Amino acid sequence: MDELSTPTRRRLLHVLGGTLLVGLAGCAGDDPQYEDLQGPVPDEYQTATSQGETERSAGNLQSKAGVNYHDAQGAATCENCIPYICDKNDDGLGACSLVEGYIEPNAWCTIYARHTG
């Protein structure tokens, strides 16, 4: 058997280490699609009321990373969620009474709660 095809502990650790680094690189940041949506929301959203009648309070907002904010995978989307605050300035984006920054209507996070009204 030649040296390249012979498994060794060192080669195994090298491969596993490389795989781990690649995996961690994928988790190293927020979804780039939403990077520009991190800033403060316009004034009309600062204390706006959500679809579920909860008022947004800047001191009680969670980070998008903390709620696993990402593209929706089905019918459960931010635009039909209780804490969602609908678009108020015709830019196609809304806000959330529980999550910081702009919110895409077709996104989703772990605090999703279906709005039936």
PDB file of N, CA and C in Angstrom:
ATOM      1  N   MET A   1       0.832  -1.169   0.000  1.00  0.00           N
ATOM      2  CA  MET A   1       0.000   0.000   0.000  1.00  0.00           C
ATOM      3  C   MET A   1       0.884   1.243   0.000  1.00  0.00           C
ATOM      4  N   ASP A   2       0.517   2.224  -0.813  1.00  0.00           N
ATOM      5  CA  ASP A   2       1.338   3.438  -0.818  1.00  0.00           C
ATOM      6  C   ASP A   2       0.963   4.343   0.355  1.00  0.00           C
ATOM      7  N   GLU A   3       1.795   5.324   0.632  1.00  0.00           N
ATOM      8  CA  GLU A   3       1.649   6.161   1.811  1.00  0.00           C
ATOM      9  C   GLU A   3       0.365   6.986   1.803  1.00  0.00           C
ATOM     10  N   LEU A   4      -0.134   7.440   0.637  1.00  0.00           N
ATOM     11  CA  LEU A   4      -1.332   8.261   0.562  1.00  0.00           C
ATOM     12  C   LEU A   4      -2.604   7.483   0.875  1.00  0.00           C
ATOM     13  N   SER A   5      -2.627   6.195   0.578  1.00  0.00           N
ATOM     14  CA  SER A   5      -3.844   5.431   0.822  1.00  0.00           C
ATOM     15  C   SER A   5      -3.855   4.754   2.190  1.00  0.00           C
ATOM     16  N   THR A   6      -2.763   4.845   2.923  1.00  0.00           N
ATOM     17  CA  THR A   6      -2.686   4.244   4.247  1.00  0.00           C
ATOM     18  C   THR A   6      -3.249   5.216   5.271  1.00  0.00           C
ATOM     19  N   PRO A   7      -4.324   4.826   5.946  1.00  0.00           N
ATOM     20  CA  PRO A   7      -4.884   5.742   6.944  1.00  0.00           C
ATOM     21  C   PRO A   7      -3.956   5.865   8.148  1.00  0.00           C
ATOM     22  N   THR A   8      -3.772   7.082   8.590  1.00  0.00           N
ATOM     23  CA  THR A   8      -2.970   7.317   9.789  1.00  0.00           C
ATOM     24  C   THR A   8      -3.748   8.248  10.711  1.00  0.00           C
ATOM     25  N   ARG A   9      -3.413   8.209  11.955  1.00  0.00           N
ATOM     26  CA  ARG A   9      -4.072   9.076  12.918  1.00  0.00           C
ATOM     27  C   ARG A   9      -3.853  10.542  12.558  1.00  0.00           C
ATOM     28  N   ARG A  10      -2.660  10.898  12.139  1.00  0.00           N
ATOM     29  CA  ARG A  10      -2.343  12.278  11.774  1.00  0.00           C
ATOM     30  C   ARG A  10      -3.190  12.731  10.582  1.00  0.00           C
ATOM     31  N   ARG A  11      -3.329  11.891   9.561  1.00  0.00           N
ATOM     32  CA  ARG A  11      -4.125  12.245   8.385  1.00  0.00           C
ATOM     33  C   ARG A  11      -5.597  12.391   8.771  1.00  0.00           C
ATOM     34  N   LEU A  12      -6.089  11.489   9.610  1.00  0.00           N
ATOM     35  CA  LEU A  12      -7.474  11.555  10.058  1.00  0.00           C
ATOM     36  C   LEU A  12      -7.736  12.857  10.824  1.00  0.00           C
ATOM     37  N   LEU A  13      -6.839  13.209  11.746  1.00  0.00           N
ATOM     38  CA  LEU A  13      -7.000  14.453  12.489  1.00  0.00           C
ATOM     39  C   LEU A  13      -6.937  15.670  11.584  1.00  0.00           C
ATOM     40  N   HIS A  14      -6.091  15.634  10.580  1.00  0.00           N
ATOM     41  CA  HIS A  14      -5.984  16.730   9.617  1.00  0.00           C
ATOM     42  C   HIS A  14      -7.305  16.911   8.859  1.00  0.00           C
ATOM     43  N   VAL A  15      -7.867  15.822   8.377  1.00  0.00           N
ATOM     44  CA  VAL A  15      -9.123  15.885   7.630  1.00  0.00           C
ATOM     45  C   VAL A  15     -10.266  16.356   8.531  1.00  0.00           C
ATOM     46  N   LEU A  16     -10.355  15.796   9.736  1.00  0.00           N
ATOM     47  CA  LEU A  16     -11.419  16.201  10.657  1.00  0.00           C
ATOM     48  C   LEU A  16     -11.283  17.674  11.066  1.00  0.00           C
ATOM     49  N   GLY A  17     -10.073  18.127  11.288  1.00  0.00           N
ATOM     50  CA  GLY A  17      -9.844  19.525  11.633  1.00  0.00           C
ATOM     51  C   GLY A  17     -10.262  20.455  10.512  1.00  0.00           C
ATOM     52  N   GLY A  18      -9.942  20.104   9.281  1.00  0.00           N
ATOM     53  CA  GLY A  18     -10.345  20.910   8.133  1.00  0.00           C
ATOM     54  C   GLY A  18     -11.850  20.953   7.975  1.00  0.00           C
ATOM     55  N   THR A  19     -12.489  19.822   8.186  1.00  0.00           N
ATOM     56  CA  THR A  19     -13.943  19.755   8.086  1.00  0.00           C
ATOM     57  C   THR A  19     -14.590  20.619   9.162  1.00  0.00           C
ATOM     58  N   LEU A  20     -14.054  20.569  10.372  1.00  0.00           N
ATOM     59  CA  LEU A  20     -14.581  21.379  11.466  1.00  0.00           C
ATOM     60  C   LEU A  20     -14.456  22.864  11.148  1.00  0.00           C
ATOM     61  N   LEU A  21     -13.318  23.290  10.609  1.00  0.00           N
ATOM     62  CA  LEU A  21     -13.130  24.697  10.267  1.00  0.00           C
ATOM     63  C   LEU A  21     -14.107  25.151   9.207  1.00  0.00           C
ATOM     64  N   VAL A  22     -14.346  24.330   8.213  1.00  0.00           N
ATOM     65  CA  VAL A  22     -15.303  24.676   7.160  1.00  0.00           C
ATOM     66  C   VAL A  22     -16.704  24.803   7.764  1.00  0.00           C
ATOM     67  N   GLY A  23     -17.075  23.888   8.634  1.00  0.00           N
ATOM     68  CA  GLY A  23     -18.379  23.941   9.287  1.00  0.00           C
ATOM     69  C   GLY A  23     -18.543  25.180  10.136  1.00  0.00           C
ATOM     70  N   LEU A  24     -17.511  25.531  10.900  1.00  0.00           N
ATOM     71  CA  LEU A  24     -17.577  26.721  11.734  1.00  0.00           C
ATOM     72  C   LEU A  24     -17.633  27.993  10.900  1.00  0.00           C
ATOM     73  N   ALA A  25     -16.972  28.010   9.773  1.00  0.00           N
ATOM     74  CA  ALA A  25     -17.002  29.184   8.909  1.00  0.00           C
ATOM     75  C   ALA A  25     -18.420  29.470   8.445  1.00  0.00           C
ATOM     76  N   GLY A  26     -19.193  28.432   8.219  1.00  0.00           N
ATOM     77  CA  GLY A  26     -20.579  28.613   7.802  1.00  0.00           C
ATOM     78  C   GLY A  26     -21.444  29.173   8.905  1.00  0.00           C
ATOM     79  N   CYS A  27     -21.046  29.024  10.149  1.00  0.00           N
ATOM     80  CA  CYS A  27     -21.818  29.516  11.292  1.00  0.00           C
ATOM     81  C   CYS A  27     -21.266  30.829  11.831  1.00  0.00           C
ATOM     82  N   ALA A  28     -20.286  31.374  11.196  1.00  0.00           N
ATOM     83  CA  ALA A  28     -19.561  32.502  11.760  1.00  0.00           C
ATOM     84  C   ALA A  28     -20.283  33.832  11.700  1.00  0.00           C
ATOM     85  N   GLY A  29     -21.402  33.925  11.028  1.00  0.00           N
ATOM     86  CA  GLY A  29     -22.064  35.215  10.965  1.00  0.00           C
ATOM     87  C   GLY A  29     -23.507  35.078  10.578  1.00  0.00           C
ATOM     88  N   ASP A  30     -24.192  36.212  10.606  1.00  0.00           N
ATOM     89  CA  ASP A  30     -25.582  36.238  10.192  1.00  0.00           C
ATOM     90  C   ASP A  30     -25.665  36.027   8.696  1.00  0.00           C
ATOM     91  N   ASP A  31     -26.843  35.692   8.240  1.00  0.00           N
ATOM     92  CA  ASP A  31     -27.077  35.520   6.815  1.00  0.00           C
ATOM     93  C   ASP A  31     -26.764  36.839   6.122  1.00  0.00           C
ATOM     94  N   PRO A  32     -25.828  36.855   5.128  1.00  0.00           N
ATOM     95  CA  PRO A  32     -25.439  38.106   4.479  1.00  0.00           C
ATOM     96  C   PRO A  32     -26.618  38.833   3.838  1.00  0.00           C
ATOM     97  N   GLN A  33     -27.665  38.110   3.497  1.00  0.00           N
ATOM     98  CA  GLN A  33     -28.845  38.727   2.887  1.00  0.00           C
ATOM     99  C   GLN A  33     -29.436  39.778   3.825  1.00  0.00           C
ATOM    100  N   TYR A  34     -29.273  39.586   5.139  1.00  0.00           N
ATOM    101  CA  TYR A  34     -29.895  40.467   6.107  1.00  0.00           C
ATOM    102  C   TYR A  34     -28.928  41.435   6.769  1.00  0.00           C
ATOM    103  N   GLU A  35     -27.665  41.463   6.362  1.00  0.00           N
ATOM    104  CA  GLU A  35     -26.677  42.327   7.008  1.00  0.00           C
ATOM    105  C   GLU A  35     -27.070  43.795   6.978  1.00  0.00           C
ATOM    106  N   ASP A  36     -27.616  44.276   5.860  1.00  0.00           N
ATOM    107  CA  ASP A  36     -27.952  45.685   5.753  1.00  0.00           C
ATOM    108  C   ASP A  36     -29.258  46.030   6.469  1.00  0.00           C
ATOM    109  N   LEU A  37     -29.906  45.060   7.066  1.00  0.00           N
ATOM    110  CA  LEU A  37     -31.172  45.287   7.759  1.00  0.00           C
ATOM    111  C   LEU A  37     -30.979  45.343   9.268  1.00  0.00           C
ATOM    112  N   GLN A  38     -29.743  45.475   9.747  1.00  0.00           N
ATOM    113  CA  GLN A  38     -29.446  45.450  11.166  1.00  0.00           C
ATOM    114  C   GLN A  38     -29.612  46.804  11.847  1.00  0.00           C
ATOM    115  N   GLY A  39     -29.549  47.865  11.085  1.00  0.00           N
ATOM    116  CA  GLY A  39     -29.574  49.196  11.678  1.00  0.00           C
ATOM    117  C   GLY A  39     -30.890  49.517  12.367  1.00  0.00           C
ATOM    118  N   PRO A  40     -30.940  50.676  12.994  1.00  0.00           N
ATOM    119  CA  PRO A  40     -32.170  51.070  13.668  1.00  0.00           C
ATOM    120  C   PRO A  40     -33.296  51.281  12.657  1.00  0.00           C
ATOM    121  N   VAL A  41     -34.486  50.999  13.094  1.00  0.00           N
ATOM    122  CA  VAL A  41     -35.639  51.181  12.217  1.00  0.00           C
ATOM    123  C   VAL A  41     -36.049  52.647  12.224  1.00  0.00           C
ATOM    124  N   PRO A  42     -36.766  53.080  11.194  1.00  0.00           N
ATOM    125  CA  PRO A  42     -37.237  54.478  11.168  1.00  0.00           C
ATOM    126  C   PRO A  42     -38.137  54.797  12.368  1.00  0.00           C
ATOM    127  N   ASP A  43     -38.288  56.076  12.643  1.00  0.00           N
ATOM    128  CA  ASP A  43     -39.050  56.539  13.805  1.00  0.00           C
ATOM    129  C   ASP A  43     -40.453  55.950  13.895  1.00  0.00           C
ATOM    130  N   GLU A  44     -41.114  55.811  12.760  1.00  0.00           N
ATOM    131  CA  GLU A  44     -42.500  55.328  12.798  1.00  0.00           C
ATOM    132  C   GLU A  44     -42.626  53.898  13.323  1.00  0.00           C
ATOM    133  N   TYR A  45     -41.500  53.167  13.428  1.00  0.00           N
ATOM    134  CA  TYR A  45     -41.515  51.809  13.971  1.00  0.00           C
ATOM    135  C   TYR A  45     -41.073  51.733  15.427  1.00  0.00           C
ATOM    136  N   GLN A  46     -40.421  52.761  15.936  1.00  0.00           N
ATOM    137  CA  GLN A  46     -39.787  52.710  17.259  1.00  0.00           C
ATOM    138  C   GLN A  46     -40.722  52.235  18.371  1.00  0.00           C
ATOM    139  N   THR A  47     -41.939  52.733  18.386  1.00  0.00           N
ATOM    140  CA  THR A  47     -42.909  52.300  19.398  1.00  0.00           C
ATOM    141  C   THR A  47     -44.220  51.874  18.748  1.00  0.00           C
ATOM    142  N   ALA A  48     -44.140  51.377  17.530  1.00  0.00           N
ATOM    143  CA  ALA A  48     -45.336  50.945  16.801  1.00  0.00           C
ATOM    144  C   ALA A  48     -45.958  49.720  17.461  1.00  0.00           C
ATOM    145  N   THR A  49     -47.209  49.489  17.139  1.00  0.00           N
ATOM    146  CA  THR A  49     -47.945  48.350  17.674  1.00  0.00           C
ATOM    147  C   THR A  49     -48.000  47.250  16.626  1.00  0.00           C
ATOM    148  N   SER A  50     -47.774  46.028  17.066  1.00  0.00           N
ATOM    149  CA  SER A  50     -47.755  44.876  16.159  1.00  0.00           C
ATOM    150  C   SER A  50     -49.170  44.424  15.801  1.00  0.00           C
ATOM    151  N   GLN A  51     -49.238  43.448  14.913  1.00  0.00           N
ATOM    152  CA  GLN A  51     -50.519  42.854  14.522  1.00  0.00           C
ATOM    153  C   GLN A  51     -51.249  42.257  15.725  1.00  0.00           C
ATOM    154  N   GLY A  52     -50.488  41.798  16.713  1.00  0.00           N
ATOM    155  CA  GLY A  52     -51.067  41.211  17.916  1.00  0.00           C
ATOM    156  C   GLY A  52     -51.280  42.213  19.035  1.00  0.00           C
ATOM    157  N   GLU A  53     -51.145  43.509  18.700  1.00  0.00           N
ATOM    158  CA  GLU A  53     -51.394  44.607  19.651  1.00  0.00           C
ATOM    159  C   GLU A  53     -50.335  44.734  20.738  1.00  0.00           C
ATOM    160  N   THR A  54     -49.093  44.312  20.455  1.00  0.00           N
ATOM    161  CA  THR A  54     -48.010  44.540  21.410  1.00  0.00           C
ATOM    162  C   THR A  54     -47.160  45.700  20.920  1.00  0.00           C
ATOM    163  N   GLU A  55     -46.798  46.595  21.831  1.00  0.00           N
ATOM    164  CA  GLU A  55     -46.012  47.765  21.462  1.00  0.00           C
ATOM    165  C   GLU A  55     -44.530  47.424  21.450  1.00  0.00           C
ATOM    166  N   ARG A  56     -43.832  47.928  20.452  1.00  0.00           N
ATOM    167  CA  ARG A  56     -42.393  47.715  20.319  1.00  0.00           C
ATOM    168  C   ARG A  56     -41.670  48.596  21.330  1.00  0.00           C
ATOM    169  N   SER A  57     -40.707  48.026  22.024  1.00  0.00           N
ATOM    170  CA  SER A  57     -39.925  48.756  23.008  1.00  0.00           C
ATOM    171  C   SER A  57     -38.454  48.456  22.782  1.00  0.00           C
ATOM    172  N   ALA A  58     -37.682  49.474  22.434  1.00  0.00           N
ATOM    173  CA  ALA A  58     -36.266  49.290  22.090  1.00  0.00           C
ATOM    174  C   ALA A  58     -35.482  48.575  23.183  1.00  0.00           C
ATOM    175  N   GLY A  59     -35.859  48.703  24.427  1.00  0.00           N
ATOM    176  CA  GLY A  59     -35.144  48.074  25.527  1.00  0.00           C
ATOM    177  C   GLY A  59     -35.425  46.587  25.689  1.00  0.00           C
ATOM    178  N   ASN A  60     -36.405  46.073  24.985  1.00  0.00           N
ATOM    179  CA  ASN A  60     -36.796  44.664  25.144  1.00  0.00           C
ATOM    180  C   ASN A  60     -36.644  43.851  23.867  1.00  0.00           C
ATOM    181  N   LEU A  61     -35.789  44.270  22.964  1.00  0.00           N
ATOM    182  CA  LEU A  61     -35.647  43.582  21.677  1.00  0.00           C
ATOM    183  C   LEU A  61     -34.534  42.538  21.719  1.00  0.00           C
ATOM    184  N   GLN A  62     -34.767  41.429  21.050  1.00  0.00           N
ATOM    185  CA  GLN A  62     -33.766  40.373  20.927  1.00  0.00           C
ATOM    186  C   GLN A  62     -33.005  40.543  19.611  1.00  0.00           C
ATOM    187  N   SER A  63     -31.805  40.002  19.565  1.00  0.00           N
ATOM    188  CA  SER A  63     -31.032  40.056  18.324  1.00  0.00           C
ATOM    189  C   SER A  63     -31.578  39.044  17.330  1.00  0.00           C
ATOM    190  N   LYS A  64     -31.346  39.298  16.055  1.00  0.00           N
ATOM    191  CA  LYS A  64     -31.784  38.361  15.018  1.00  0.00           C
ATOM    192  C   LYS A  64     -31.058  37.029  15.157  1.00  0.00           C
ATOM    193  N   ALA A  65     -29.786  37.085  15.500  1.00  0.00           N
ATOM    194  CA  ALA A  65     -29.031  35.838  15.683  1.00  0.00           C
ATOM    195  C   ALA A  65     -29.606  35.032  16.843  1.00  0.00           C
ATOM    196  N   GLY A  66     -30.044  35.712  17.880  1.00  0.00           N
ATOM    197  CA  GLY A  66     -30.587  35.046  19.047  1.00  0.00           C
ATOM    198  C   GLY A  66     -31.905  34.324  18.807  1.00  0.00           C
ATOM    199  N   VAL A  67     -32.613  34.725  17.752  1.00  0.00           N
ATOM    200  CA  VAL A  67     -33.893  34.084  17.430  1.00  0.00           C
ATOM    201  C   VAL A  67     -33.826  33.301  16.117  1.00  0.00           C
ATOM    202  N   ASN A  68     -32.614  33.105  15.611  1.00  0.00           N
ATOM    203  CA  ASN A  68     -32.398  32.325  14.389  1.00  0.00           C
ATOM    204  C   ASN A  68     -33.188  32.873  13.203  1.00  0.00           C
ATOM    205  N   TYR A  69     -33.130  34.167  12.987  1.00  0.00           N
ATOM    206  CA  TYR A  69     -33.830  34.858  11.901  1.00  0.00           C
ATOM    207  C   TYR A  69     -33.248  34.426  10.552  1.00  0.00           C
ATOM    208  N   HIS A  70     -34.111  33.958   9.634  1.00  0.00           N
ATOM    209  CA  HIS A  70     -33.668  33.512   8.316  1.00  0.00           C
ATOM    210  C   HIS A  70     -34.853  33.416   7.355  1.00  0.00           C
ATOM    211  N   ASP A  71     -34.579  33.029   6.111  1.00  0.00           N
ATOM    212  CA  ASP A  71     -35.641  32.854   5.126  1.00  0.00           C
ATOM    213  C   ASP A  71     -36.662  31.847   5.627  1.00  0.00           C
ATOM    214  N   ALA A  72     -37.928  32.129   5.373  1.00  0.00           N
ATOM    215  CA  ALA A  72     -38.991  31.194   5.753  1.00  0.00           C
ATOM    216  C   ALA A  72     -38.922  29.962   4.855  1.00  0.00           C
ATOM    217  N   GLN A  73     -39.325  28.832   5.396  1.00  0.00           N
ATOM    218  CA  GLN A  73     -39.296  27.576   4.646  1.00  0.00           C
ATOM    219  C   GLN A  73     -40.691  27.099   4.272  1.00  0.00           C
ATOM    220  N   GLY A  74     -41.697  27.883   4.504  1.00  0.00           N
ATOM    221  CA  GLY A  74     -43.063  27.487   4.204  1.00  0.00           C
ATOM    222  C   GLY A  74     -44.002  28.652   4.413  1.00  0.00           C
ATOM    223  N   ALA A  75     -45.222  28.349   4.815  1.00  0.00           N
ATOM    224  CA  ALA A  75     -46.245  29.376   4.986  1.00  0.00           C
ATOM    225  C   ALA A  75     -46.064  30.200   6.252  1.00  0.00           C
ATOM    226  N   ALA A  76     -45.300  29.711   7.204  1.00  0.00           N
ATOM    227  CA  ALA A  76     -45.051  30.454   8.441  1.00  0.00           C
ATOM    228  C   ALA A  76     -44.023  31.544   8.151  1.00  0.00           C
ATOM    229  N   THR A  77     -44.481  32.779   8.028  1.00  0.00           N
ATOM    230  CA  THR A  77     -43.602  33.903   7.711  1.00  0.00           C
ATOM    231  C   THR A  77     -43.840  35.044   8.686  1.00  0.00           C
ATOM    232  N   CYS A  78     -42.905  35.954   8.733  1.00  0.00           N
ATOM    233  CA  CYS A  78     -43.041  37.100   9.626  1.00  0.00           C
ATOM    234  C   CYS A  78     -44.326  37.885   9.357  1.00  0.00           C
ATOM    235  N   GLU A  79     -44.713  38.022   8.091  1.00  0.00           N
ATOM    236  CA  GLU A  79     -45.881  38.842   7.800  1.00  0.00           C
ATOM    237  C   GLU A  79     -47.183  38.254   8.353  1.00  0.00           C
ATOM    238  N   ASN A  80     -47.184  36.991   8.775  1.00  0.00           N
ATOM    239  CA  ASN A  80     -48.386  36.441   9.416  1.00  0.00           C
ATOM    240  C   ASN A  80     -48.086  36.000  10.848  1.00  0.00           C
ATOM    241  N   CYS A  81     -47.188  36.764  11.492  1.00  0.00           N
ATOM    242  CA  CYS A  81     -46.786  36.488  12.875  1.00  0.00           C
ATOM    243  C   CYS A  81     -47.340  37.573  13.798  1.00  0.00           C
ATOM    244  N   ILE A  82     -47.712  37.204  15.000  1.00  0.00           N
ATOM    245  CA  ILE A  82     -48.316  38.138  15.961  1.00  0.00           C
ATOM    246  C   ILE A  82     -47.438  39.370  16.230  1.00  0.00           C
ATOM    247  N   PRO A  83     -46.113  39.232  16.489  1.00  0.00           N
ATOM    248  CA  PRO A  83     -45.317  40.423  16.798  1.00  0.00           C
ATOM    249  C   PRO A  83     -44.900  41.264  15.584  1.00  0.00           C
ATOM    250  N   TYR A  84     -45.286  40.870  14.374  1.00  0.00           N
ATOM    251  CA  TYR A  84     -44.871  41.604  13.171  1.00  0.00           C
ATOM    252  C   TYR A  84     -45.564  42.963  13.088  1.00  0.00           C
ATOM    253  N   ILE A  85     -44.786  43.971  12.727  1.00  0.00           N
ATOM    254  CA  ILE A  85     -45.294  45.326  12.483  1.00  0.00           C
ATOM    255  C   ILE A  85     -45.201  45.552  10.981  1.00  0.00           C
ATOM    256  N   CYS A  86     -46.340  45.713  10.346  1.00  0.00           N
ATOM    257  CA  CYS A  86     -46.396  45.836   8.880  1.00  0.00           C
ATOM    258  C   CYS A  86     -45.661  47.072   8.378  1.00  0.00           C
ATOM    259  N   ASP A  87     -45.290  47.022   7.109  1.00  0.00           N
ATOM    260  CA  ASP A  87     -44.597  48.107   6.419  1.00  0.00           C
ATOM    261  C   ASP A  87     -45.356  49.423   6.598  1.00  0.00           C
ATOM    262  N   LYS A  88     -44.650  50.439   7.057  1.00  0.00           N
ATOM    263  CA  LYS A  88     -45.266  51.744   7.293  1.00  0.00           C
ATOM    264  C   LYS A  88     -44.745  52.830   6.367  1.00  0.00           C
ATOM    265  N   ASN A  89     -43.700  52.540   5.591  1.00  0.00           N
ATOM    266  CA  ASN A  89     -43.116  53.581   4.740  1.00  0.00           C
ATOM    267  C   ASN A  89     -42.905  53.113   3.300  1.00  0.00           C
ATOM    268  N   ASP A  90     -43.607  52.082   2.896  1.00  0.00           N
ATOM    269  CA  ASP A  90     -43.593  51.568   1.518  1.00  0.00           C
ATOM    270  C   ASP A  90     -42.220  51.120   1.016  1.00  0.00           C
ATOM    271  N   ASP A  91     -41.359  50.636   1.922  1.00  0.00           N
ATOM    272  CA  ASP A  91     -40.066  50.109   1.482  1.00  0.00           C
ATOM    273  C   ASP A  91     -40.076  48.588   1.390  1.00  0.00           C
ATOM    274  N   GLY A  92     -41.220  47.966   1.680  1.00  0.00           N
ATOM    275  CA  GLY A  92     -41.338  46.516   1.586  1.00  0.00           C
ATOM    276  C   GLY A  92     -40.859  45.777   2.825  1.00  0.00           C
ATOM    277  N   LEU A  93     -40.422  46.506   3.839  1.00  0.00           N
ATOM    278  CA  LEU A  93     -39.923  45.903   5.073  1.00  0.00           C
ATOM    279  C   LEU A  93     -40.801  46.318   6.241  1.00  0.00           C
ATOM    280  N   GLY A  94     -40.809  45.503   7.267  1.00  0.00           N
ATOM    281  CA  GLY A  94     -41.544  45.835   8.476  1.00  0.00           C
ATOM    282  C   GLY A  94     -40.600  45.846   9.655  1.00  0.00           C
ATOM    283  N   ALA A  95     -41.158  45.624  10.826  1.00  0.00           N
ATOM    284  CA  ALA A  95     -40.377  45.534  12.051  1.00  0.00           C
ATOM    285  C   ALA A  95     -41.042  44.465  12.908  1.00  0.00           C
ATOM    286  N   CYS A  96     -40.522  44.282  14.108  1.00  0.00           N
ATOM    287  CA  CYS A  96     -41.065  43.295  15.028  1.00  0.00           C
ATOM    288  C   CYS A  96     -41.086  43.905  16.415  1.00  0.00           C
ATOM    289  N   SER A  97     -42.109  43.566  17.184  1.00  0.00           N
ATOM    290  CA  SER A  97     -42.179  44.101  18.541  1.00  0.00           C
ATOM    291  C   SER A  97     -41.219  43.392  19.485  1.00  0.00           C
ATOM    292  N   LEU A  98     -40.563  42.308  18.998  1.00  0.00           N
ATOM    293  CA  LEU A  98     -39.660  41.529  19.856  1.00  0.00           C
ATOM    294  C   LEU A  98     -38.225  41.402  19.335  1.00  0.00           C
ATOM    295  N   VAL A  99     -37.990  41.758  18.062  1.00  0.00           N
ATOM    296  CA  VAL A  99     -36.676  41.561  17.430  1.00  0.00           C
ATOM    297  C   VAL A  99     -36.171  42.884  16.855  1.00  0.00           C
ATOM    298  N   GLU A 100     -34.882  43.120  16.985  1.00  0.00           N
ATOM    299  CA  GLU A 100     -34.279  44.370  16.519  1.00  0.00           C
ATOM    300  C   GLU A 100     -34.179  44.444  14.997  1.00  0.00           C
ATOM    301  N   GLY A 101     -34.084  45.663  14.494  1.00  0.00           N
ATOM    302  CA  GLY A 101     -33.840  45.904  13.077  1.00  0.00           C
ATOM    303  C   GLY A 101     -35.067  45.736  12.199  1.00  0.00           C
ATOM    304  N   TYR A 102     -34.828  45.953  10.910  1.00  0.00           N
ATOM    305  CA  TYR A 102     -35.880  45.735   9.921  1.00  0.00           C
ATOM    306  C   TYR A 102     -36.227  44.258   9.858  1.00  0.00           C
ATOM    307  N   ILE A 103     -37.436  43.955   9.447  1.00  0.00           N
ATOM    308  CA  ILE A 103     -37.868  42.568   9.312  1.00  0.00           C
ATOM    309  C   ILE A 103     -38.457  42.357   7.930  1.00  0.00           C
ATOM    310  N   GLU A 104     -37.942  41.353   7.234  1.00  0.00           N
ATOM    311  CA  GLU A 104     -38.478  40.980   5.920  1.00  0.00           C
ATOM    312  C   GLU A 104     -39.786  40.230   6.127  1.00  0.00           C
ATOM    313  N   PRO A 105     -40.821  40.554   5.372  1.00  0.00           N
ATOM    314  CA  PRO A 105     -42.098  39.868   5.546  1.00  0.00           C
ATOM    315  C   PRO A 105     -42.019  38.367   5.269  1.00  0.00           C
ATOM    316  N   ASN A 106     -41.087  37.945   4.420  1.00  0.00           N
ATOM    317  CA  ASN A 106     -40.964  36.526   4.066  1.00  0.00           C
ATOM    318  C   ASN A 106     -39.853  35.815   4.816  1.00  0.00           C
ATOM    319  N   ALA A 107     -39.505  36.312   5.992  1.00  0.00           N
ATOM    320  CA  ALA A 107     -38.500  35.659   6.839  1.00  0.00           C
ATOM    321  C   ALA A 107     -39.224  34.875   7.932  1.00  0.00           C
ATOM    322  N   TRP A 108     -38.447  34.294   8.838  1.00  0.00           N
ATOM    323  CA  TRP A 108     -38.989  33.491   9.946  1.00  0.00           C
ATOM    324  C   TRP A 108     -37.981  33.474  11.074  1.00  0.00           C
ATOM    325  N   CYS A 109     -38.435  33.289  12.305  1.00  0.00           N
ATOM    326  CA  CYS A 109     -37.537  33.082  13.434  1.00  0.00           C
ATOM    327  C   CYS A 109     -38.206  32.171  14.465  1.00  0.00           C
ATOM    328  N   THR A 110     -37.466  31.826  15.487  1.00  0.00           N
ATOM    329  CA  THR A 110     -37.951  30.852  16.473  1.00  0.00           C
ATOM    330  C   THR A 110     -39.050  31.365  17.380  1.00  0.00           C
ATOM    331  N   ILE A 111     -39.308  32.660  17.390  1.00  0.00           N
ATOM    332  CA  ILE A 111     -40.416  33.160  18.226  1.00  0.00           C
ATOM    333  C   ILE A 111     -41.697  33.323  17.412  1.00  0.00           C
ATOM    334  N   TYR A 112     -41.719  32.756  16.230  1.00  0.00           N
ATOM    335  CA  TYR A 112     -42.900  32.825  15.366  1.00  0.00           C
ATOM    336  C   TYR A 112     -44.153  32.354  16.111  1.00  0.00           C
ATOM    337  N   ALA A 113     -45.198  33.153  16.005  1.00  0.00           N
ATOM    338  CA  ALA A 113     -46.514  32.801  16.563  1.00  0.00           C
ATOM    339  C   ALA A 113     -47.548  33.269  15.538  1.00  0.00           C
ATOM    340  N   ARG A 114     -48.283  32.337  14.996  1.00  0.00           N
ATOM    341  CA  ARG A 114     -49.233  32.637  13.909  1.00  0.00           C
ATOM    342  C   ARG A 114     -50.302  33.635  14.334  1.00  0.00           C
ATOM    343  N   HIS A 115     -50.439  34.660  13.506  1.00  0.00           N
ATOM    344  CA  HIS A 115     -51.484  35.668  13.695  1.00  0.00           C
ATOM    345  C   HIS A 115     -52.713  35.223  12.902  1.00  0.00           C
ATOM    346  N   THR A 116     -53.836  35.150  13.542  1.00  0.00           N
ATOM    347  CA  THR A 116     -55.042  34.662  12.869  1.00  0.00           C
ATOM    348  C   THR A 116     -56.041  35.776  12.585  1.00  0.00           C
ATOM    349  N   GLY A 117     -55.699  37.001  12.902  1.00  0.00           N
ATOM    350  CA  GLY A 117     -56.635  38.109  12.732  1.00  0.00           C
ATOM    351  C   GLY A 117     -56.548  38.691  11.435  1.00  0.00           C
TER     352      GLY A 117
END
